[in-house]
């Protein structure tokens, strides 16, 4: 299975897995969010919502 990077933000990485499956990875904490989307644009839109709603406390 080959993963493809779809989009990269400063601290986040969106990867295409297969079919309708994507993963959003927070690079600093290695936290992974599973995304099911109909295409890459839909996945990016869903990721933007997750990024805006995810707040990490400073260590």
C-alpha atoms as a PDB file:
ATOM      1  CA  UNK A   1       0.000   0.000   0.000  1.00  0.00           C
ATOM      2  CA  UNK A   2       1.467   3.317  -1.058  1.00  0.00           C
ATOM      3  CA  UNK A   3       0.462   6.461   0.809  1.00  0.00           C
ATOM      4  CA  UNK A   4       0.321   9.764  -1.026  1.00  0.00           C
ATOM      5  CA  UNK A   5       0.693  13.184   0.578  1.00  0.00           C
ATOM      6  CA  UNK A   6      -2.275  15.290  -0.504  1.00  0.00           C
ATOM      7  CA  UNK A   7      -1.625  18.502   1.414  1.00  0.00           C
ATOM      8  CA  UNK A   8       0.791  19.818   3.994  1.00  0.00           C
ATOM      9  CA  UNK A   9       0.151  22.638   6.419  1.00  0.00           C
ATOM     10  CA  UNK A  10       2.716  23.964   8.873  1.00  0.00           C
ATOM     11  CA  UNK A  11       2.053  21.376  11.601  1.00  0.00           C
ATOM     12  CA  UNK A  12      -0.266  18.975   9.771  1.00  0.00           C
ATOM     13  CA  UNK A  13      -0.032  16.414   6.985  1.00  0.00           C
ATOM     14  CA  UNK A  14      -2.921  14.962   4.967  1.00  0.00           C
ATOM     15  CA  UNK A  15      -2.247  11.563   3.398  1.00  0.00           C
ATOM     16  CA  UNK A  16      -4.350   9.514   0.989  1.00  0.00           C
ATOM     17  CA  UNK A  17      -4.542   5.867   2.072  1.00  0.00           C
ATOM     18  CA  UNK A  18      -6.911   4.143  -0.382  1.00  0.00           C
ATOM     19  CA  UNK A  19     -10.509   4.297  -1.559  1.00  0.00           C
ATOM     20  CA  UNK A  20     -12.225   7.016   0.487  1.00  0.00           C
ATOM     21  CA  UNK A  21      -9.724   6.826   3.364  1.00  0.00           C
ATOM     22  CA  UNK A  22      -7.351   9.607   4.375  1.00  0.00           C
ATOM     23  CA  UNK A  23      -5.303  10.370   7.476  1.00  0.00           C
ATOM     24  CA  UNK A  24      -4.635  13.746   9.030  1.00  0.00           C
ATOM     25  CA  UNK A  25      -1.430  13.699  11.088  1.00  0.00           C
ATOM     26  CA  UNK A  26      -0.374  16.354  13.586  1.00  0.00           C
ATOM     27  CA  UNK A  27       3.386  16.400  13.027  1.00  0.00           C
ATOM     28  CA  UNK A  28       4.484  17.532  16.505  1.00  0.00           C
ATOM     29  CA  UNK A  29       2.453  15.035  18.545  1.00  0.00           C
ATOM     30  CA  UNK A  30       2.037  12.315  15.863  1.00  0.00           C
ATOM     31  CA  UNK A  31      -1.705  12.355  16.600  1.00  0.00           C
ATOM     32  CA  UNK A  32      -3.638  10.709  13.749  1.00  0.00           C
ATOM     33  CA  UNK A  33      -7.214  11.449  12.655  1.00  0.00           C
ATOM     34  CA  UNK A  34      -8.955   9.051  10.254  1.00  0.00           C
ATOM     35  CA  UNK A  35     -10.897  10.877   7.529  1.00  0.00           C
ATOM     36  CA  UNK A  36     -13.469   9.360   5.175  1.00  0.00           C
ATOM     37  CA  UNK A  37     -14.096  11.648   2.204  1.00  0.00           C
ATOM     38  CA  UNK A  38     -15.345  11.345  -1.368  1.00  0.00           C
ATOM     39  CA  UNK A  39     -12.271  13.078  -2.838  1.00  0.00           C
ATOM     40  CA  UNK A  40      -9.140  15.051  -1.896  1.00  0.00           C
ATOM     41  CA  UNK A  41     -10.968  18.405  -1.809  1.00  0.00           C
ATOM     42  CA  UNK A  42     -13.598  17.018   0.543  1.00  0.00           C
ATOM     43  CA  UNK A  43     -10.818  15.588   2.737  1.00  0.00           C
ATOM     44  CA  UNK A  44      -9.062  18.981   2.872  1.00  0.00           C
ATOM     45  CA  UNK A  45     -12.299  20.705   3.895  1.00  0.00           C
ATOM     46  CA  UNK A  46     -12.886  18.164   6.661  1.00  0.00           C
ATOM     47  CA  UNK A  47      -9.290  18.572   7.828  1.00  0.00           C
ATOM     48  CA  UNK A  48      -9.643  22.338   8.081  1.00  0.00           C
ATOM     49  CA  UNK A  49     -12.524  21.851  10.510  1.00  0.00           C
ATOM     50  CA  UNK A  50     -10.504  19.399  12.612  1.00  0.00           C
ATOM     51  CA  UNK A  51      -7.469  21.695  12.649  1.00  0.00           C
ATOM     52  CA  UNK A  52      -9.565  24.670  13.761  1.00  0.00           C
ATOM     53  CA  UNK A  53     -11.285  22.638  16.504  1.00  0.00           C
ATOM     54  CA  UNK A  54      -8.133  20.944  17.809  1.00  0.00           C
ATOM     55  CA  UNK A  55      -6.310  22.903  20.457  1.00  0.00           C
ATOM     56  CA  UNK A  56      -3.120  21.574  21.981  1.00  0.00           C
ATOM     57  CA  UNK A  57      -1.932  22.824  25.317  1.00  0.00           C
ATOM     58  CA  UNK A  58       1.699  23.968  25.398  1.00  0.00           C
ATOM     59  CA  UNK A  59       3.973  21.498  27.147  1.00  0.00           C
END
